[in-house]
Amino acid sequence: MSQLSLAVIAKGLDLLLDEQMTGQARICAHLVAAAEGHGHSPSEIISIFDAILDKTVLDELWVTDSEGSVYLTNVRGDDGQPINFRFSDDSTAQPQASAFFPLLSANIDSDECITQAAQTREIDWDIFKYVGVSGIDQPRIVQVGNALAFEEQGLLNNSYASPVMTAALAAFGEAELLSSQYTSRVAEVRSVFDAVLSKQMVAQAGLIDAFLGVTETAGWSVAKTNEHLQRIVKTTPIAQIEIATTGGQIVLSSSVPYGKLRYPESLQAINVDVMDVVDHPTISHDLDHPAEKTVTVYSPNLARIVQITTHLDDQSLVSPRFKIPE
């Protein structure tokens, strides 16, 4: 019977979250640039953040000015106001947050990114995983955070310790605790990974939806919006972003010329009264093309479809081509 090392699971989960959170942070950078360019106030942008996080698994968004002071975040103190925080380059004072300080020196055309394994943070000693990217309009840190209280652990029954939580232990430096542990429940582990991936991609779609809401209000041209979608795809693991009408006509895309909407038949099942998600199965093409995963999300705000596709590395547990290491 094939068995999978829990250490391999931990490493795989951390890589999966690195990739998906990079996409989220990059989209957020474009969203903030568009919103501020159109004159949105900090409170208006924070309201946009709140709406996104209310509908997705994203836990936190942090955006700084060029000096490293956070002024856009959904994280609030006991008084209900956005928390005050300033990134420092002092690793003694900020063992976790200081890792992202170099992003302030990045050129706005560089698309710098820093990923970090889950660890305790300075403000409250909770365990979080963070990914940060540089700003596209000015030097800044744009950071997304996920708490390690993964609801996906409920996908496994109580007879087996959740591999997601086991992975969390390994991610923040306890991998040695797992060196001799294995599981034969590979199908269940892969199911967990697939659910994690889907929810992270839905969060990307929520950010794209908010970005489009801002660009339409600002009167951006189709060409300008497409240029930003193209830059997002070029600097993230996202393979393609398609925006379509409920009838399936593509109106914005990271691909020019436009291709065809994937799974057009799925549009018939979408509930147009709410934010609805169609989670498509991972598929494996011929060996000359990567496996891929697609989610289709309907936005009632814009009455449009946001479809995101990501390519899957064969070494990823969620890929149909993944083979258990010998």
Protein backbone atom coordinates (compact mmCIF):
# COMPACT_ATOMS: atom_id res chain seq x y z
CA MET A 1 0.00 0.00 0.00
CA SER A 2 1.33 3.44 -0.96
CA GLN A 3 2.19 5.67 1.96
CA LEU A 4 2.83 9.38 2.06
CA SER A 5 5.18 11.08 4.49
CA LEU A 6 3.49 13.73 6.60
CA ALA A 7 6.61 15.84 6.10
CA VAL A 8 5.96 15.74 2.34
CA ILE A 9 2.37 16.83 3.04
CA ALA A 10 3.63 19.74 5.13
CA LYS A 11 6.05 20.90 2.47
CA GLY A 12 3.40 20.57 -0.21
CA LEU A 13 0.84 22.59 1.71
CA ASP A 14 3.31 25.38 2.38
CA LEU A 15 4.21 25.58 -1.32
CA LEU A 16 0.55 25.53 -2.35
CA LEU A 17 -0.24 28.44 -0.03
CA ASP A 18 2.88 30.33 -1.15
CA GLU A 19 1.67 30.22 -4.75
CA GLN A 20 -1.95 31.09 -4.10
CA MET A 21 -1.24 33.84 -1.58
CA THR A 22 1.26 35.38 -4.00
CA GLY A 23 -1.59 35.69 -6.48
CA GLN A 24 -3.82 37.29 -3.85
CA ALA A 25 -1.19 39.79 -2.76
CA ARG A 26 -0.39 40.76 -6.34
CA ILE A 27 -4.05 41.37 -7.18
CA CYS A 28 -4.38 43.42 -3.99
CA ALA A 29 -1.46 45.60 -5.09
CA HIS A 30 -3.25 46.36 -8.36
CA LEU A 31 -6.53 46.95 -6.51
CA VAL A 32 -4.98 49.48 -4.12
CA ALA A 33 -3.20 51.31 -6.96
CA ALA A 34 -6.43 51.57 -8.94
CA ALA A 35 -8.49 52.66 -5.93
CA GLU A 36 -6.07 55.34 -4.80
CA GLY A 37 -5.59 56.50 -8.38
CA HIS A 38 -9.32 57.13 -8.54
CA GLY A 39 -9.33 59.04 -5.27
CA HIS A 40 -10.64 56.40 -2.85
CA SER A 41 -9.98 57.26 0.79
CA PRO A 42 -8.33 54.78 3.18
CA SER A 43 -11.67 54.12 4.85
CA GLU A 44 -13.28 53.36 1.48
CA ILE A 45 -10.50 50.93 0.57
CA ILE A 46 -10.71 49.23 3.96
CA SER A 47 -14.45 48.78 3.35
CA ILE A 48 -13.56 47.02 0.10
CA PHE A 49 -11.16 44.79 2.05
CA ASP A 50 -13.86 43.98 4.59
CA ALA A 51 -16.28 42.93 1.85
CA ILE A 52 -13.69 40.62 0.26
CA LEU A 53 -12.68 38.96 3.51
CA ASP A 54 -16.31 38.53 4.52
CA LYS A 55 -16.88 36.29 1.47
CA THR A 56 -13.59 34.37 1.25
CA VAL A 57 -11.08 32.42 3.35
CA LEU A 58 -8.61 35.31 3.39
CA ASP A 59 -7.93 36.44 6.95
CA GLU A 60 -5.85 39.59 6.65
CA LEU A 61 -4.69 42.30 4.27
CA TRP A 62 -1.94 44.76 5.22
CA VAL A 63 -0.79 47.64 3.00
CA THR A 64 1.86 50.20 3.94
CA ASP A 65 3.01 53.58 2.77
CA SER A 66 6.52 54.08 1.38
CA GLU A 67 7.93 54.28 4.93
CA GLY A 68 6.52 50.94 6.05
CA SER A 69 3.60 52.24 8.13
CA VAL A 70 0.38 50.29 7.69
CA TYR A 71 -2.59 52.48 6.83
CA LEU A 72 -4.80 50.01 4.97
CA THR A 73 -5.80 46.86 6.83
CA ASN A 74 -8.87 44.95 7.91
CA VAL A 75 -7.22 44.11 11.26
CA ARG A 76 -8.65 46.18 14.07
CA GLY A 77 -7.77 46.79 17.68
CA ASP A 78 -10.07 46.62 20.70
CA ASP A 79 -11.33 50.12 19.86
CA GLY A 80 -12.57 48.93 16.47
CA GLN A 81 -10.07 51.07 14.59
CA PRO A 82 -7.49 49.71 12.11
CA ILE A 83 -4.46 48.60 14.06
CA ASN A 84 -1.30 50.72 13.99
CA PHE A 85 1.80 48.88 12.83
CA ARG A 86 5.09 49.88 11.25
CA PHE A 87 7.42 47.40 9.58
CA SER A 88 11.01 47.55 10.76
CA ASP A 89 14.25 46.09 9.43
CA ASP A 90 15.22 45.11 12.98
CA SER A 91 14.93 41.33 13.14
CA THR A 92 15.44 41.41 16.89
CA ALA A 93 12.41 43.61 17.45
CA GLN A 94 10.36 42.03 14.63
CA PRO A 95 11.50 38.43 14.01
CA GLN A 96 8.50 37.79 11.76
CA ALA A 97 7.59 41.11 10.14
CA SER A 98 11.11 42.39 9.42
CA ALA A 99 11.51 39.80 6.65
CA PHE A 100 9.20 41.90 4.48
CA PHE A 101 11.01 45.22 4.99
CA PRO A 102 13.17 44.84 1.83
CA LEU A 103 10.01 45.16 -0.28
CA LEU A 104 10.07 48.89 0.47
CA SER A 105 13.26 49.18 -1.58
CA ALA A 106 11.87 47.34 -4.60
CA ASN A 107 11.33 49.17 -7.86
CA ILE A 108 7.65 49.49 -8.75
CA ASP A 109 8.30 47.60 -11.99
CA SER A 110 10.16 44.74 -10.29
CA ASP A 111 7.20 42.72 -8.93
CA GLU A 112 9.19 41.53 -5.93
CA CYS A 113 7.71 38.84 -3.69
CA ILE A 114 8.59 37.40 -0.27
CA THR A 115 7.00 34.22 1.08
CA GLN A 116 7.26 33.11 4.67
CA ALA A 117 6.63 29.84 6.45
CA ALA A 118 3.95 29.99 9.13
CA GLN A 119 5.20 31.33 12.47
CA THR A 120 4.25 33.44 15.46
CA ARG A 121 3.81 37.14 14.84
CA GLU A 122 4.77 40.06 17.04
CA ILE A 123 1.42 41.74 17.66
CA ASP A 124 -0.34 38.89 19.49
CA TRP A 125 1.79 35.73 19.15
CA ASP A 126 -0.83 33.97 17.04
CA ILE A 127 0.50 31.70 14.29
CA PHE A 128 0.05 33.10 10.79
CA LYS A 129 1.38 32.50 7.32
CA TYR A 130 2.22 35.62 5.31
CA VAL A 131 3.16 36.46 1.75
CA GLY A 132 4.10 39.97 0.67
CA VAL A 133 4.71 41.74 -2.63
CA SER A 134 5.98 45.15 -3.64
CA GLY A 135 3.71 47.99 -4.73
CA ILE A 136 3.06 48.70 -8.39
CA ASP A 137 2.38 52.42 -7.95
CA GLN A 138 4.80 53.41 -5.17
CA PRO A 139 7.23 51.68 -2.81
CA ARG A 140 5.11 49.78 -0.30
CA ILE A 141 4.46 46.39 1.28
CA VAL A 142 1.29 44.56 0.25
CA GLN A 143 0.78 41.56 2.47
CA VAL A 144 -1.84 38.84 2.82
CA GLY A 145 -2.15 36.61 5.88
CA ASN A 146 -3.78 33.30 6.71
CA ALA A 147 -4.30 32.07 10.25
CA LEU A 148 -3.49 28.43 10.88
CA ALA A 149 -6.94 27.60 12.14
CA PHE A 150 -7.77 25.93 8.83
CA GLU A 151 -11.43 25.00 8.59
CA GLU A 152 -10.48 22.48 5.94
CA GLN A 153 -9.31 20.10 8.64
CA GLY A 154 -12.95 19.16 9.09
CA LEU A 155 -12.81 17.39 5.74
CA LEU A 156 -11.10 14.49 7.49
CA ASN A 157 -12.91 12.52 10.15
CA ASN A 158 -11.80 12.39 13.75
CA SER A 159 -10.08 9.03 13.41
CA TYR A 160 -7.03 10.63 11.84
CA ALA A 161 -5.15 13.76 12.82
CA SER A 162 -5.71 16.39 10.14
CA PRO A 163 -2.77 16.53 7.72
CA VAL A 164 -3.46 20.25 7.36
CA MET A 165 -2.71 20.84 11.02
CA THR A 166 0.22 18.45 10.84
CA ALA A 167 1.46 20.47 7.90
CA ALA A 168 1.09 23.63 9.92
CA LEU A 169 3.39 22.21 12.58
CA ALA A 170 6.01 21.42 10.00
CA ALA A 171 5.66 24.78 8.31
CA PHE A 172 6.83 26.69 11.35
CA GLY A 173 9.86 24.60 12.12
CA GLU A 174 8.70 21.36 13.70
CA ALA A 175 9.29 19.10 10.70
CA GLU A 176 11.54 16.86 12.78
CA LEU A 177 8.46 15.79 14.75
CA LEU A 178 7.04 14.25 11.58
CA SER A 179 10.09 12.50 10.16
CA SER A 180 8.83 8.99 10.92
CA GLN A 181 5.10 9.53 10.34
CA TYR A 182 3.24 8.34 7.26
CA THR A 183 -0.31 7.93 6.08
CA SER A 184 -1.89 5.64 3.54
CA ARG A 185 -4.95 7.87 3.23
CA VAL A 186 -3.54 9.63 0.18
CA ALA A 187 -6.89 10.19 -1.53
CA GLU A 188 -8.23 12.03 1.50
CA VAL A 189 -5.12 14.17 1.76
CA ARG A 190 -5.40 15.10 -1.90
CA SER A 191 -9.05 15.97 -1.34
CA VAL A 192 -8.02 18.37 1.42
CA PHE A 193 -5.41 19.95 -0.84
CA ASP A 194 -7.95 20.36 -3.63
CA ALA A 195 -10.39 22.07 -1.25
CA VAL A 196 -7.65 24.40 0.03
CA LEU A 197 -6.66 25.28 -3.54
CA SER A 198 -10.25 25.97 -4.59
CA LYS A 199 -10.91 28.29 -1.67
CA GLN A 200 -7.67 30.18 -2.23
CA MET A 201 -8.58 30.63 -5.91
CA VAL A 202 -12.03 31.91 -4.94
CA ALA A 203 -10.26 34.52 -2.79
CA GLN A 204 -8.30 35.57 -5.87
CA ALA A 205 -11.57 35.90 -7.78
CA GLY A 206 -13.01 38.06 -4.99
CA LEU A 207 -10.03 40.40 -5.24
CA ILE A 208 -10.34 40.52 -9.04
CA ASP A 209 -14.03 41.33 -8.65
CA ALA A 210 -13.20 44.26 -6.35
CA PHE A 211 -10.45 45.44 -8.72
CA LEU A 212 -12.91 45.46 -11.63
CA GLY A 213 -15.46 47.36 -9.58
CA VAL A 214 -12.89 50.11 -9.05
CA THR A 215 -11.63 50.20 -12.65
CA GLU A 216 -15.14 50.43 -14.06
CA THR A 217 -16.01 53.30 -11.73
CA ALA A 218 -12.76 54.99 -12.75
CA GLY A 219 -13.64 54.60 -16.43
CA TRP A 220 -10.64 52.49 -17.40
CA SER A 221 -10.50 51.29 -20.98
CA VAL A 222 -10.69 47.60 -21.79
CA ALA A 223 -7.08 47.72 -22.99
CA LYS A 224 -5.82 49.27 -19.74
CA THR A 225 -7.67 46.75 -17.57
CA ASN A 226 -6.40 43.87 -19.71
CA GLU A 227 -2.83 45.15 -19.33
CA HIS A 228 -3.16 44.87 -15.55
CA LEU A 229 -4.66 41.38 -15.82
CA GLN A 230 -1.74 40.38 -18.02
CA ARG A 231 0.79 41.72 -15.51
CA ILE A 232 -0.93 39.82 -12.69
CA VAL A 233 -0.70 36.57 -14.64
CA LYS A 234 2.93 37.15 -15.59
CA THR A 235 3.94 37.66 -11.96
CA THR A 236 1.92 34.93 -10.24
CA PRO A 237 1.16 31.20 -10.60
CA ILE A 238 -2.21 32.18 -12.09
CA ALA A 239 -2.35 30.94 -15.67
CA GLN A 240 -5.37 32.83 -16.96
CA ILE A 241 -8.05 35.29 -15.87
CA GLU A 242 -11.25 35.60 -17.89
CA ILE A 243 -14.12 38.01 -17.26
CA ALA A 244 -17.35 37.14 -19.04
CA THR A 245 -21.02 37.98 -19.15
CA THR A 246 -23.50 35.50 -17.68
CA GLY A 247 -24.06 34.37 -21.24
CA GLY A 248 -20.41 33.35 -21.54
CA GLN A 249 -19.09 36.21 -23.70
CA ILE A 250 -15.56 37.19 -22.66
CA VAL A 251 -15.27 40.96 -22.14
CA LEU A 252 -11.90 41.19 -20.35
CA SER A 253 -9.01 38.76 -20.32
CA SER A 254 -5.37 38.21 -19.50
CA SER A 255 -5.11 36.59 -22.96
CA VAL A 256 -5.16 38.72 -26.08
CA PRO A 257 -6.64 37.79 -28.47
CA TYR A 258 -9.38 36.34 -26.31
CA GLY A 259 -9.81 32.60 -26.14
CA LYS A 260 -12.93 30.72 -25.10
CA LEU A 261 -14.45 30.56 -21.65
CA ARG A 262 -13.72 27.22 -20.00
CA TYR A 263 -16.71 25.09 -19.01
CA PRO A 264 -19.41 27.32 -20.56
CA GLU A 265 -21.99 24.68 -19.68
CA SER A 266 -21.39 25.39 -15.98
CA LEU A 267 -22.96 28.82 -16.32
CA GLN A 268 -26.39 27.21 -16.40
CA ALA A 269 -25.94 26.04 -12.81
CA ILE A 270 -24.94 29.41 -11.36
CA ASN A 271 -27.28 31.12 -8.91
CA VAL A 272 -27.29 34.76 -10.01
CA ASP A 273 -28.82 35.99 -6.74
CA VAL A 274 -25.66 35.41 -4.69
CA MET A 275 -21.88 35.13 -5.07
CA ASP A 276 -21.81 31.63 -6.50
CA VAL A 277 -18.87 29.31 -7.16
CA VAL A 278 -18.45 26.41 -9.57
CA ASP A 279 -15.42 24.34 -8.58
CA HIS A 280 -14.14 22.46 -11.62
CA PRO A 281 -12.12 19.25 -11.22
CA THR A 282 -8.39 19.22 -11.79
CA ILE A 283 -7.62 17.93 -15.25
CA SER A 284 -4.51 16.48 -16.82
CA HIS A 285 -3.75 17.22 -20.46
CA ASP A 286 -1.08 15.52 -22.50
CA LEU A 287 2.45 15.66 -21.12
CA ASP A 288 3.28 18.70 -23.26
CA HIS A 289 0.77 20.78 -21.29
CA PRO A 290 0.50 21.23 -17.52
CA ALA A 291 -2.40 19.95 -15.49
CA GLU A 292 -4.77 22.71 -14.44
CA LYS A 293 -7.49 23.76 -12.05
CA THR A 294 -10.28 26.26 -12.80
CA VAL A 295 -12.87 27.98 -10.63
CA THR A 296 -15.78 29.99 -12.00
CA VAL A 297 -17.19 32.66 -9.70
CA TYR A 298 -20.29 34.75 -10.32
CA SER A 299 -20.25 38.27 -8.94
CA PRO A 300 -23.66 39.78 -8.19
CA ASN A 301 -21.96 43.17 -7.81
CA LEU A 302 -21.01 43.31 -11.48
CA ALA A 303 -23.35 40.64 -12.88
CA ARG A 304 -20.32 38.99 -14.46
CA ILE A 305 -18.31 35.82 -14.34
CA VAL A 306 -14.74 35.74 -13.04
CA GLN A 307 -12.95 32.59 -14.15
CA ILE A 308 -9.46 31.81 -12.87
CA THR A 309 -7.24 28.97 -14.04
CA THR A 310 -3.98 27.92 -12.43
CA HIS A 311 -1.42 25.45 -13.75
CA LEU A 312 -0.39 22.62 -11.46
CA ASP A 313 3.16 21.44 -11.07
CA ASP A 314 3.47 17.66 -11.37
CA GLN A 315 5.19 17.70 -7.97
CA SER A 316 2.12 19.22 -6.33
CA LEU A 317 -0.08 16.90 -4.31
CA VAL A 318 -3.16 18.35 -5.95
CA SER A 319 -1.98 17.47 -9.46
CA PRO A 320 -3.44 14.32 -11.05
CA ARG A 321 0.12 13.47 -12.11
CA PHE A 322 1.56 13.54 -8.60
CA LYS A 323 3.44 10.39 -7.70
CA ILE A 324 4.22 9.37 -4.15
CA PRO A 325 7.98 9.61 -3.56
CA GLU A 326 9.70 6.26 -3.17
